[in-house]
Amino acid sequence: MDPKRPWECADMTEVRSEIDRIDAALVDLIAERFGYVERAWQLKKNPGDAHVPWRIQQVIDKVKVQARQRGLPAEMIEMVGAQWRNMIGWFVQYEEEKLRQQEASSGGPRE
């Protein structure tokens, strides 16, 4: 079944169905992003490599620009930025932990 645009929904059942479809797609995309985070820590050498402030800010700035270009209200743009900062924070912690575990099991940082 093809997705409906918001104005094509005739009732709340259709609206909810479309929201559920979008939520499932968002989870799929986050899972796909996690796959790249998983690969990223494998390419890094030590836990300090996980936190890259300029890159974090670059990603947040990009999503906020995209949200603005999509016409989201200012409050939603800030919320999107906050959500990305939260998600990235979790990913950074995950990478740091994986790198610490690898460091401990190998007796020191990778070269």
PDB file of N, CA and C in Angstrom:
ATOM      1  N   MET A   1       0.836  -1.177   0.000  1.00  0.00           N
ATOM      2  CA  MET A   1       0.000   0.000   0.000  1.00  0.00           C
ATOM      3  C   MET A   1       0.885   1.245   0.000  1.00  0.00           C
ATOM      4  N   ASP A   2       0.597   2.180  -0.863  1.00  0.00           N
ATOM      5  CA  ASP A   2       1.375   3.406  -0.960  1.00  0.00           C
ATOM      6  C   ASP A   2       1.104   4.306   0.237  1.00  0.00           C
ATOM      7  N   PRO A   3       2.139   5.012   0.682  1.00  0.00           N
ATOM      8  CA  PRO A   3       1.932   5.947   1.792  1.00  0.00           C
ATOM      9  C   PRO A   3       0.952   7.054   1.389  1.00  0.00           C
ATOM     10  N   LYS A   4       0.229   7.515   2.379  1.00  0.00           N
ATOM     11  CA  LYS A   4      -0.695   8.627   2.147  1.00  0.00           C
ATOM     12  C   LYS A   4      -0.032   9.912   2.640  1.00  0.00           C
ATOM     13  N   ARG A   5      -0.322  10.994   1.992  1.00  0.00           N
ATOM     14  CA  ARG A   5       0.096  12.302   2.476  1.00  0.00           C
ATOM     15  C   ARG A   5      -0.884  12.698   3.588  1.00  0.00           C
ATOM     16  N   PRO A   6      -0.447  13.561   4.501  1.00  0.00           N
ATOM     17  CA  PRO A   6      -1.335  13.911   5.624  1.00  0.00           C
ATOM     18  C   PRO A   6      -2.736  14.339   5.184  1.00  0.00           C
ATOM     19  N   TRP A   7      -2.817  15.153   4.156  1.00  0.00           N
ATOM     20  CA  TRP A   7      -4.127  15.654   3.713  1.00  0.00           C
ATOM     21  C   TRP A   7      -4.979  14.594   3.019  1.00  0.00           C
ATOM     22  N   GLU A   8      -4.375  13.459   2.702  1.00  0.00           N
ATOM     23  CA  GLU A   8      -5.123  12.370   2.066  1.00  0.00           C
ATOM     24  C   GLU A   8      -5.787  11.444   3.090  1.00  0.00           C
ATOM     25  N   CYS A   9      -5.413  11.585   4.346  1.00  0.00           N
ATOM     26  CA  CYS A   9      -5.984  10.732   5.390  1.00  0.00           C
ATOM     27  C   CYS A   9      -7.407  11.180   5.695  1.00  0.00           C
ATOM     28  N   ALA A  10      -8.323  10.228   5.634  1.00  0.00           N
ATOM     29  CA  ALA A  10      -9.741  10.541   5.835  1.00  0.00           C
ATOM     30  C   ALA A  10     -10.163  10.443   7.288  1.00  0.00           C
ATOM     31  N   ASP A  11      -9.368   9.719   8.107  1.00  0.00           N
ATOM     32  CA  ASP A  11      -9.764   9.547   9.503  1.00  0.00           C
ATOM     33  C   ASP A  11      -8.519   9.260  10.357  1.00  0.00           C
ATOM     34  N   MET A  12      -8.722   9.168  11.654  1.00  0.00           N
ATOM     35  CA  MET A  12      -7.612   8.960  12.584  1.00  0.00           C
ATOM     36  C   MET A  12      -6.959   7.594  12.411  1.00  0.00           C
ATOM     37  N   THR A  13      -7.699   6.615  11.972  1.00  0.00           N
ATOM     38  CA  THR A  13      -7.102   5.297  11.727  1.00  0.00           C
ATOM     39  C   THR A  13      -6.025   5.411  10.656  1.00  0.00           C
ATOM     40  N   GLU A  14      -6.304   6.133   9.602  1.00  0.00           N
ATOM     41  CA  GLU A  14      -5.322   6.323   8.539  1.00  0.00           C
ATOM     42  C   GLU A  14      -4.139   7.165   9.022  1.00  0.00           C
ATOM     43  N   VAL A  15      -4.409   8.204   9.793  1.00  0.00           N
ATOM     44  CA  VAL A  15      -3.333   9.037  10.347  1.00  0.00           C
ATOM     45  C   VAL A  15      -2.423   8.178  11.220  1.00  0.00           C
ATOM     46  N   ARG A  16      -3.014   7.400  12.109  1.00  0.00           N
ATOM     47  CA  ARG A  16      -2.220   6.550  13.005  1.00  0.00           C
ATOM     48  C   ARG A  16      -1.424   5.506  12.234  1.00  0.00           C
ATOM     49  N   SER A  17      -2.004   4.969  11.210  1.00  0.00           N
ATOM     50  CA  SER A  17      -1.315   3.982  10.383  1.00  0.00           C
ATOM     51  C   SER A  17      -0.078   4.598   9.731  1.00  0.00           C
ATOM     52  N   GLU A  18      -0.210   5.813   9.239  1.00  0.00           N
ATOM     53  CA  GLU A  18       0.922   6.491   8.609  1.00  0.00           C
ATOM     54  C   GLU A  18       1.997   6.851   9.639  1.00  0.00           C
ATOM     55  N   ILE A  19       1.571   7.275  10.820  1.00  0.00           N
ATOM     56  CA  ILE A  19       2.539   7.565  11.884  1.00  0.00           C
ATOM     57  C   ILE A  19       3.288   6.292  12.262  1.00  0.00           C
ATOM     58  N   ASP A  20       2.587   5.183  12.374  1.00  0.00           N
ATOM     59  CA  ASP A  20       3.238   3.899  12.688  1.00  0.00           C
ATOM     60  C   ASP A  20       4.234   3.506  11.594  1.00  0.00           C
ATOM     61  N   ARG A  21       3.880   3.741  10.348  1.00  0.00           N
ATOM     62  CA  ARG A  21       4.771   3.440   9.223  1.00  0.00           C
ATOM     63  C   ARG A  21       6.044   4.279   9.324  1.00  0.00           C
ATOM     64  N   ILE A  22       5.890   5.556   9.615  1.00  0.00           N
ATOM     65  CA  ILE A  22       7.041   6.453   9.735  1.00  0.00           C
ATOM     66  C   ILE A  22       7.906   6.056  10.934  1.00  0.00           C
ATOM     67  N   ASP A  23       7.270   5.725  12.062  1.00  0.00           N
ATOM     68  CA  ASP A  23       8.031   5.297  13.240  1.00  0.00           C
ATOM     69  C   ASP A  23       8.872   4.062  12.934  1.00  0.00           C
ATOM     70  N   ALA A  24       8.296   3.114  12.216  1.00  0.00           N
ATOM     71  CA  ALA A  24       9.039   1.904  11.851  1.00  0.00           C
ATOM     72  C   ALA A  24      10.229   2.255  10.959  1.00  0.00           C
ATOM     73  N   ALA A  25      10.024   3.180  10.033  1.00  0.00           N
ATOM     74  CA  ALA A  25      11.109   3.601   9.145  1.00  0.00           C
ATOM     75  C   ALA A  25      12.208   4.313   9.934  1.00  0.00           C
ATOM     76  N   LEU A  26      11.825   5.127  10.902  1.00  0.00           N
ATOM     77  CA  LEU A  26      12.816   5.814  11.742  1.00  0.00           C
ATOM     78  C   LEU A  26      13.658   4.815  12.527  1.00  0.00           C
ATOM     79  N   VAL A  27      13.018   3.811  13.091  1.00  0.00           N
ATOM     80  CA  VAL A  27      13.758   2.779  13.827  1.00  0.00           C
ATOM     81  C   VAL A  27      14.717   2.057  12.888  1.00  0.00           C
ATOM     82  N   ASP A  28      14.258   1.737  11.680  1.00  0.00           N
ATOM     83  CA  ASP A  28      15.129   1.089  10.700  1.00  0.00           C
ATOM     84  C   ASP A  28      16.338   1.967  10.383  1.00  0.00           C
ATOM     85  N   LEU A  29      16.125   3.263  10.223  1.00  0.00           N
ATOM     86  CA  LEU A  29      17.224   4.170   9.912  1.00  0.00           C
ATOM     87  C   LEU A  29      18.191   4.308  11.083  1.00  0.00           C
ATOM     88  N   ILE A  30      17.670   4.346  12.300  1.00  0.00           N
ATOM     89  CA  ILE A  30      18.547   4.413  13.470  1.00  0.00           C
ATOM     90  C   ILE A  30      19.365   3.133  13.576  1.00  0.00           C
ATOM     91  N   ALA A  31      18.747   1.997  13.300  1.00  0.00           N
ATOM     92  CA  ALA A  31      19.479   0.728  13.313  1.00  0.00           C
ATOM     93  C   ALA A  31      20.562   0.729  12.239  1.00  0.00           C
ATOM     94  N   GLU A  32      20.255   1.269  11.080  1.00  0.00           N
ATOM     95  CA  GLU A  32      21.255   1.361  10.017  1.00  0.00           C
ATOM     96  C   GLU A  32      22.406   2.279  10.446  1.00  0.00           C
ATOM     97  N   ARG A  33      22.076   3.405  11.071  1.00  0.00           N
ATOM     98  CA  ARG A  33      23.101   4.334  11.564  1.00  0.00           C
ATOM     99  C   ARG A  33      23.973   3.635  12.606  1.00  0.00           C
ATOM    100  N   PHE A  34      23.354   2.847  13.464  1.00  0.00           N
ATOM    101  CA  PHE A  34      24.105   2.110  14.484  1.00  0.00           C
ATOM    102  C   PHE A  34      25.136   1.183  13.836  1.00  0.00           C
ATOM    103  N   GLY A  35      24.793   0.591  12.715  1.00  0.00           N
ATOM    104  CA  GLY A  35      25.745  -0.261  12.006  1.00  0.00           C
ATOM    105  C   GLY A  35      27.010   0.493  11.643  1.00  0.00           C
ATOM    106  N   TYR A  36      26.874   1.752  11.248  1.00  0.00           N
ATOM    107  CA  TYR A  36      28.051   2.564  10.918  1.00  0.00           C
ATOM    108  C   TYR A  36      28.823   2.959  12.172  1.00  0.00           C
ATOM    109  N   VAL A  37      28.116   3.180  13.264  1.00  0.00           N
ATOM    110  CA  VAL A  37      28.784   3.457  14.541  1.00  0.00           C
ATOM    111  C   VAL A  37      29.575   2.226  14.977  1.00  0.00           C
ATOM    112  N   GLU A  38      28.987   1.076  14.789  1.00  0.00           N
ATOM    113  CA  GLU A  38      29.662  -0.181  15.115  1.00  0.00           C
ATOM    114  C   GLU A  38      30.966  -0.294  14.322  1.00  0.00           C
ATOM    115  N   ARG A  39      30.905   0.043  13.058  1.00  0.00           N
ATOM    116  CA  ARG A  39      32.113  -0.014  12.233  1.00  0.00           C
ATOM    117  C   ARG A  39      33.098   1.080  12.634  1.00  0.00           C
ATOM    118  N   ALA A  40      32.612   2.243  12.984  1.00  0.00           N
ATOM    119  CA  ALA A  40      33.483   3.367  13.342  1.00  0.00           C
ATOM    120  C   ALA A  40      34.395   3.011  14.507  1.00  0.00           C
ATOM    121  N   TRP A  41      33.846   2.415  15.572  1.00  0.00           N
ATOM    122  CA  TRP A  41      34.711   2.128  16.720  1.00  0.00           C
ATOM    123  C   TRP A  41      35.772   1.099  16.351  1.00  0.00           C
ATOM    124  N   GLN A  42      35.448   0.209  15.412  1.00  0.00           N
ATOM    125  CA  GLN A  42      36.417  -0.799  14.991  1.00  0.00           C
ATOM    126  C   GLN A  42      37.594  -0.170  14.243  1.00  0.00           C
ATOM    127  N   LEU A  43      37.377   0.985  13.639  1.00  0.00           N
ATOM    128  CA  LEU A  43      38.423   1.675  12.894  1.00  0.00           C
ATOM    129  C   LEU A  43      39.226   2.642  13.755  1.00  0.00           C
ATOM    130  N   LYS A  44      38.734   2.925  14.950  1.00  0.00           N
ATOM    131  CA  LYS A  44      39.414   3.867  15.844  1.00  0.00           C
ATOM    132  C   LYS A  44      40.432   3.132  16.701  1.00  0.00           C
ATOM    133  N   LYS A  45      41.357   3.889  17.277  1.00  0.00           N
ATOM    134  CA  LYS A  45      42.463   3.283  17.998  1.00  0.00           C
ATOM    135  C   LYS A  45      42.308   3.261  19.513  1.00  0.00           C
ATOM    136  N   ASN A  46      41.670   4.271  20.090  1.00  0.00           N
ATOM    137  CA  ASN A  46      41.536   4.312  21.544  1.00  0.00           C
ATOM    138  C   ASN A  46      40.273   5.059  21.937  1.00  0.00           C
ATOM    139  N   PRO A  47      39.854   4.929  23.207  1.00  0.00           N
ATOM    140  CA  PRO A  47      38.593   5.543  23.656  1.00  0.00           C
ATOM    141  C   PRO A  47      38.514   7.046  23.405  1.00  0.00           C
ATOM    142  N   GLY A  48      39.653   7.735  23.446  1.00  0.00           N
ATOM    143  CA  GLY A  48      39.651   9.178  23.202  1.00  0.00           C
ATOM    144  C   GLY A  48      39.252   9.547  21.781  1.00  0.00           C
ATOM    145  N   ASP A  49      39.349   8.595  20.860  1.00  0.00           N
ATOM    146  CA  ASP A  49      38.970   8.850  19.467  1.00  0.00           C
ATOM    147  C   ASP A  49      37.461   8.899  19.261  1.00  0.00           C
ATOM    148  N   ALA A  50      36.703   8.442  20.241  1.00  0.00           N
ATOM    149  CA  ALA A  50      35.245   8.349  20.083  1.00  0.00           C
ATOM    150  C   ALA A  50      34.568   9.715  20.146  1.00  0.00           C
ATOM    151  N   HIS A  51      35.096  10.613  20.953  1.00  0.00           N
ATOM    152  CA  HIS A  51      34.469  11.927  21.143  1.00  0.00           C
ATOM    153  C   HIS A  51      35.187  12.947  20.274  1.00  0.00           C
ATOM    154  N   VAL A  52      34.517  13.382  19.207  1.00  0.00           N
ATOM    155  CA  VAL A  52      35.083  14.344  18.270  1.00  0.00           C
ATOM    156  C   VAL A  52      34.126  15.540  18.222  1.00  0.00           C
ATOM    157  N   PRO A  53      34.348  16.538  19.099  1.00  0.00           N
ATOM    158  CA  PRO A  53      33.389  17.639  19.235  1.00  0.00           C
ATOM    159  C   PRO A  53      33.042  18.359  17.934  1.00  0.00           C
ATOM    160  N   TRP A  54      34.022  18.619  17.083  1.00  0.00           N
ATOM    161  CA  TRP A  54      33.710  19.347  15.847  1.00  0.00           C
ATOM    162  C   TRP A  54      32.768  18.534  14.960  1.00  0.00           C
ATOM    163  N   ARG A  55      32.949  17.221  14.938  1.00  0.00           N
ATOM    164  CA  ARG A  55      32.089  16.370  14.114  1.00  0.00           C
ATOM    165  C   ARG A  55      30.678  16.295  14.699  1.00  0.00           C
ATOM    166  N   ILE A  56      30.595  16.198  16.012  1.00  0.00           N
ATOM    167  CA  ILE A  56      29.281  16.178  16.661  1.00  0.00           C
ATOM    168  C   ILE A  56      28.514  17.441  16.304  1.00  0.00           C
ATOM    169  N   GLN A  57      29.176  18.594  16.425  1.00  0.00           N
ATOM    170  CA  GLN A  57      28.506  19.859  16.116  1.00  0.00           C
ATOM    171  C   GLN A  57      28.137  19.948  14.645  1.00  0.00           C
ATOM    172  N   GLN A  58      29.009  19.441  13.783  1.00  0.00           N
ATOM    173  CA  GLN A  58      28.731  19.442  12.345  1.00  0.00           C
ATOM    174  C   GLN A  58      27.455  18.647  12.034  1.00  0.00           C
ATOM    175  N   VAL A  59      27.319  17.475  12.624  1.00  0.00           N
ATOM    176  CA  VAL A  59      26.141  16.637  12.391  1.00  0.00           C
ATOM    177  C   VAL A  59      24.884  17.340  12.905  1.00  0.00           C
ATOM    178  N   ILE A  60      24.951  17.902  14.100  1.00  0.00           N
ATOM    179  CA  ILE A  60      23.790  18.589  14.671  1.00  0.00           C
ATOM    180  C   ILE A  60      23.402  19.791  13.817  1.00  0.00           C
ATOM    181  N   ASP A  61      24.391  20.563  13.390  1.00  0.00           N
ATOM    182  CA  ASP A  61      24.102  21.715  12.531  1.00  0.00           C
ATOM    183  C   ASP A  61      23.420  21.283  11.240  1.00  0.00           C
ATOM    184  N   LYS A  62      23.897  20.190  10.645  1.00  0.00           N
ATOM    185  CA  LYS A  62      23.303  19.704   9.390  1.00  0.00           C
ATOM    186  C   LYS A  62      21.838  19.305   9.576  1.00  0.00           C
ATOM    187  N   VAL A  63      21.536  18.576  10.636  1.00  0.00           N
ATOM    188  CA  VAL A  63      20.142  18.144  10.801  1.00  0.00           C
ATOM    189  C   VAL A  63      19.235  19.326  11.118  1.00  0.00           C
ATOM    190  N   LYS A  64      19.770  20.319  11.827  1.00  0.00           N
ATOM    191  CA  LYS A  64      18.956  21.507  12.106  1.00  0.00           C
ATOM    192  C   LYS A  64      18.686  22.300  10.828  1.00  0.00           C
ATOM    193  N   VAL A  65      19.672  22.386   9.950  1.00  0.00           N
ATOM    194  CA  VAL A  65      19.453  23.048   8.663  1.00  0.00           C
ATOM    195  C   VAL A  65      18.402  22.284   7.865  1.00  0.00           C
ATOM    196  N   GLN A  66      18.520  20.967   7.847  1.00  0.00           N
ATOM    197  CA  GLN A  66      17.547  20.157   7.116  1.00  0.00           C
ATOM    198  C   GLN A  66      16.146  20.347   7.699  1.00  0.00           C
ATOM    199  N   ALA A  67      16.041  20.376   9.012  1.00  0.00           N
ATOM    200  CA  ALA A  67      14.739  20.592   9.657  1.00  0.00           C
ATOM    201  C   ALA A  67      14.175  21.967   9.286  1.00  0.00           C
ATOM    202  N   ARG A  68      15.043  22.957   9.261  1.00  0.00           N
ATOM    203  CA  ARG A  68      14.617  24.312   8.882  1.00  0.00           C
ATOM    204  C   ARG A  68      14.147  24.327   7.430  1.00  0.00           C
ATOM    205  N   GLN A  69      14.893  23.667   6.556  1.00  0.00           N
ATOM    206  CA  GLN A  69      14.526  23.620   5.136  1.00  0.00           C
ATOM    207  C   GLN A  69      13.204  22.891   4.917  1.00  0.00           C
ATOM    208  N   ARG A  70      12.884  21.963   5.798  1.00  0.00           N
ATOM    209  CA  ARG A  70      11.619  21.234   5.698  1.00  0.00           C
ATOM    210  C   ARG A  70      10.451  22.026   6.282  1.00  0.00           C
ATOM    211  N   GLY A  71      10.740  23.216   6.795  1.00  0.00           N
ATOM    212  CA  GLY A  71       9.678  24.087   7.287  1.00  0.00           C
ATOM    213  C   GLY A  71       9.186  23.783   8.685  1.00  0.00           C
ATOM    214  N   LEU A  72       9.995  23.089   9.476  1.00  0.00           N
ATOM    215  CA  LEU A  72       9.573  22.794  10.849  1.00  0.00           C
ATOM    216  C   LEU A  72       9.594  24.064  11.689  1.00  0.00           C
ATOM    217  N   PRO A  73       8.717  24.150  12.686  1.00  0.00           N
ATOM    218  CA  PRO A  73       8.717  25.306  13.583  1.00  0.00           C
ATOM    219  C   PRO A  73      10.040  25.387  14.354  1.00  0.00           C
ATOM    220  N   ALA A  74      10.404  26.590  14.760  1.00  0.00           N
ATOM    221  CA  ALA A  74      11.680  26.823  15.459  1.00  0.00           C
ATOM    222  C   ALA A  74      11.852  25.898  16.663  1.00  0.00           C
ATOM    223  N   GLU A  75      10.791  25.693  17.438  1.00  0.00           N
ATOM    224  CA  GLU A  75      10.879  24.831  18.622  1.00  0.00           C
ATOM    225  C   GLU A  75      11.193  23.389  18.216  1.00  0.00           C
ATOM    226  N   MET A  76      10.641  22.950  17.104  1.00  0.00           N
ATOM    227  CA  MET A  76      10.887  21.590  16.618  1.00  0.00           C
ATOM    228  C   MET A  76      12.321  21.459  16.105  1.00  0.00           C
ATOM    229  N   ILE A  77      12.834  22.508  15.471  1.00  0.00           N
ATOM    230  CA  ILE A  77      14.223  22.494  14.995  1.00  0.00           C
ATOM    231  C   ILE A  77      15.165  22.302  16.179  1.00  0.00           C
ATOM    232  N   GLU A  78      14.911  23.027  17.258  1.00  0.00           N
ATOM    233  CA  GLU A  78      15.746  22.884  18.466  1.00  0.00           C
ATOM    234  C   GLU A  78      15.589  21.493  19.072  1.00  0.00           C
ATOM    235  N   MET A  79      14.381  20.956  19.049  1.00  0.00           N
ATOM    236  CA  MET A  79      14.140  19.619  19.581  1.00  0.00           C
ATOM    237  C   MET A  79      14.882  18.577  18.753  1.00  0.00           C
ATOM    238  N   VAL A  80      14.877  18.738  17.434  1.00  0.00           N
ATOM    239  CA  VAL A  80      15.615  17.819  16.562  1.00  0.00           C
ATOM    240  C   VAL A  80      17.095  17.852  16.915  1.00  0.00           C
ATOM    241  N   GLY A  81      17.647  19.060  17.082  1.00  0.00           N
ATOM    242  CA  GLY A  81      19.044  19.178  17.471  1.00  0.00           C
ATOM    243  C   GLY A  81      19.324  18.504  18.795  1.00  0.00           C
ATOM    244  N   ALA A  82      18.430  18.678  19.756  1.00  0.00           N
ATOM    245  CA  ALA A  82      18.601  18.056  21.080  1.00  0.00           C
ATOM    246  C   ALA A  82      18.510  16.532  20.978  1.00  0.00           C
ATOM    247  N   GLN A  83      17.604  16.036  20.167  1.00  0.00           N
ATOM    248  CA  GLN A  83      17.472  14.588  20.006  1.00  0.00           C
ATOM    249  C   GLN A  83      18.731  14.000  19.369  1.00  0.00           C
ATOM    250  N   TRP A  84      19.269  14.696  18.381  1.00  0.00           N
ATOM    251  CA  TRP A  84      20.497  14.205  17.745  1.00  0.00           C
ATOM    252  C   TRP A  84      21.658  14.240  18.735  1.00  0.00           C
ATOM    253  N   ARG A  85      21.743  15.310  19.521  1.00  0.00           N
ATOM    254  CA  ARG A  85      22.813  15.397  20.519  1.00  0.00           C
ATOM    255  C   ARG A  85      22.699  14.233  21.507  1.00  0.00           C
ATOM    256  N   ASN A  86      21.498  13.906  21.908  1.00  0.00           N
ATOM    257  CA  ASN A  86      21.265  12.788  22.821  1.00  0.00           C
ATOM    258  C   ASN A  86      21.672  11.460  22.176  1.00  0.00           C
ATOM    259  N   MET A  87      21.242  11.248  20.929  1.00  0.00           N
ATOM    260  CA  MET A  87      21.573  10.008  20.233  1.00  0.00           C
ATOM    261  C   MET A  87      23.086   9.889  20.034  1.00  0.00           C
ATOM    262  N   ILE A  88      23.710  10.966  19.597  1.00  0.00           N
ATOM    263  CA  ILE A  88      25.157  10.940  19.382  1.00  0.00           C
ATOM    264  C   ILE A  88      25.878  10.697  20.703  1.00  0.00           C
ATOM    265  N   GLY A  89      25.402  11.306  21.779  1.00  0.00           N
ATOM    266  CA  GLY A  89      26.010  11.077  23.092  1.00  0.00           C
ATOM    267  C   GLY A  89      25.995   9.605  23.456  1.00  0.00           C
ATOM    268  N   TRP A  90      24.890   8.932  23.186  1.00  0.00           N
ATOM    269  CA  TRP A  90      24.819   7.499  23.473  1.00  0.00           C
ATOM    270  C   TRP A  90      25.809   6.738  22.601  1.00  0.00           C
ATOM    271  N   PHE A  91      25.858   7.083  21.311  1.00  0.00           N
ATOM    272  CA  PHE A  91      26.786   6.407  20.401  1.00  0.00           C
ATOM    273  C   PHE A  91      28.238   6.611  20.830  1.00  0.00           C
ATOM    274  N   VAL A  92      28.583   7.820  21.253  1.00  0.00           N
ATOM    275  CA  VAL A  92      29.956   8.095  21.712  1.00  0.00           C
ATOM    276  C   VAL A  92      30.277   7.238  22.930  1.00  0.00           C
ATOM    277  N   GLN A  93      29.360   7.178  23.878  1.00  0.00           N
ATOM    278  CA  GLN A  93      29.583   6.331  25.061  1.00  0.00           C
ATOM    279  C   GLN A  93      29.751   4.870  24.657  1.00  0.00           C
ATOM    280  N   TYR A  94      28.955   4.425  23.714  1.00  0.00           N
ATOM    281  CA  TYR A  94      29.046   3.047  23.230  1.00  0.00           C
ATOM    282  C   TYR A  94      30.429   2.795  22.626  1.00  0.00           C
ATOM    283  N   GLU A  95      30.881   3.705  21.762  1.00  0.00           N
ATOM    284  CA  GLU A  95      32.195   3.555  21.136  1.00  0.00           C
ATOM    285  C   GLU A  95      33.302   3.547  22.190  1.00  0.00           C
ATOM    286  N   GLU A  96      33.217   4.483  23.132  1.00  0.00           N
ATOM    287  CA  GLU A  96      34.243   4.545  24.180  1.00  0.00           C
ATOM    288  C   GLU A  96      34.316   3.232  24.951  1.00  0.00           C
ATOM    289  N   GLU A  97      33.171   2.687  25.294  1.00  0.00           N
ATOM    290  CA  GLU A  97      33.141   1.429  26.048  1.00  0.00           C
ATOM    291  C   GLU A  97      33.719   0.281  25.228  1.00  0.00           C
ATOM    292  N   LYS A  98      33.336   0.188  23.967  1.00  0.00           N
ATOM    293  CA  LYS A  98      33.868  -0.870  23.105  1.00  0.00           C
ATOM    294  C   LYS A  98      35.386  -0.732  22.964  1.00  0.00           C
ATOM    295  N   LEU A  99      35.850   0.496  22.811  1.00  0.00           N
ATOM    296  CA  LEU A  99      37.288   0.722  22.675  1.00  0.00           C
ATOM    297  C   LEU A  99      38.034   0.416  23.971  1.00  0.00           C
ATOM    298  N   ARG A 100      37.425   0.756  25.122  1.00  0.00           N
ATOM    299  CA  ARG A 100      38.038   0.413  26.416  1.00  0.00           C
ATOM    300  C   ARG A 100      38.124  -1.106  26.583  1.00  0.00           C
ATOM    301  N   GLN A 101      37.057  -1.792  26.220  1.00  0.00           N
ATOM    302  CA  GLN A 101      37.064  -3.259  26.309  1.00  0.00           C
ATOM    303  C   GLN A 101      38.140  -3.854  25.412  1.00  0.00           C
ATOM    304  N   GLN A 102      38.248  -3.336  24.223  1.00  0.00           N
ATOM    305  CA  GLN A 102      39.256  -3.844  23.292  1.00  0.00           C
ATOM    306  C   GLN A 102      40.670  -3.560  23.826  1.00  0.00           C
ATOM    307  N   GLU A 103      40.850  -2.364  24.364  1.00  0.00           N
ATOM    308  CA  GLU A 103      42.138  -1.976  24.923  1.00  0.00           C
ATOM    309  C   GLU A 103      42.519  -2.900  26.082  1.00  0.00           C
ATOM    310  N   ALA A 104      41.556  -3.175  26.955  1.00  0.00           N
ATOM    311  CA  ALA A 104      41.808  -4.042  28.113  1.00  0.00           C
ATOM    312  C   ALA A 104      42.141  -5.468  27.675  1.00  0.00           C
ATOM    313  N   SER A 105      41.459  -5.939  26.643  1.00  0.00           N
ATOM    314  CA  SER A 105      41.697  -7.327  26.225  1.00  0.00           C
ATOM    315  C   SER A 105      42.991  -7.477  25.428  1.00  0.00           C
ATOM    316  N   SER A 106      43.484  -6.366  24.866  1.00  0.00           N
ATOM    317  CA  SER A 106      44.711  -6.471  24.071  1.00  0.00           C
ATOM    318  C   SER A 106      45.939  -5.964  24.820  1.00  0.00           C
ATOM    319  N   GLY A 107      45.733  -5.447  26.028  1.00  0.00           N
ATOM    320  CA  GLY A 107      46.857  -4.972  26.824  1.00  0.00           C
ATOM    321  C   GLY A 107      47.298  -3.549  26.523  1.00  0.00           C
ATOM    322  N   GLY A 108      46.525  -2.796  25.779  1.00  0.00           N
ATOM    323  CA  GLY A 108      46.888  -1.402  25.520  1.00  0.00           C
ATOM    324  C   GLY A 108      46.256  -0.884  24.250  1.00  0.00           C
ATOM    325  N   PRO A 109      46.478   0.409  23.943  1.00  0.00           N
ATOM    326  CA  PRO A 109      45.865   1.003  22.740  1.00  0.00           C
ATOM    327  C   PRO A 109      46.382   0.349  21.469  1.00  0.00           C
ATOM    328  N   ARG A 110      45.530   0.378  20.444  1.00  0.00           N
ATOM    329  CA  ARG A 110      45.954  -0.138  19.134  1.00  0.00           C
ATOM    330  C   ARG A 110      46.884   0.869  18.478  1.00  0.00           C
ATOM    331  N   GLU A 111      47.694   0.387  17.603  1.00  0.00           N
ATOM    332  CA  GLU A 111      48.611   1.276  16.890  1.00  0.00           C
ATOM    333  C   GLU A 111      48.185   1.451  15.470  1.00  0.00           C
TER     334      GLU A 111
END
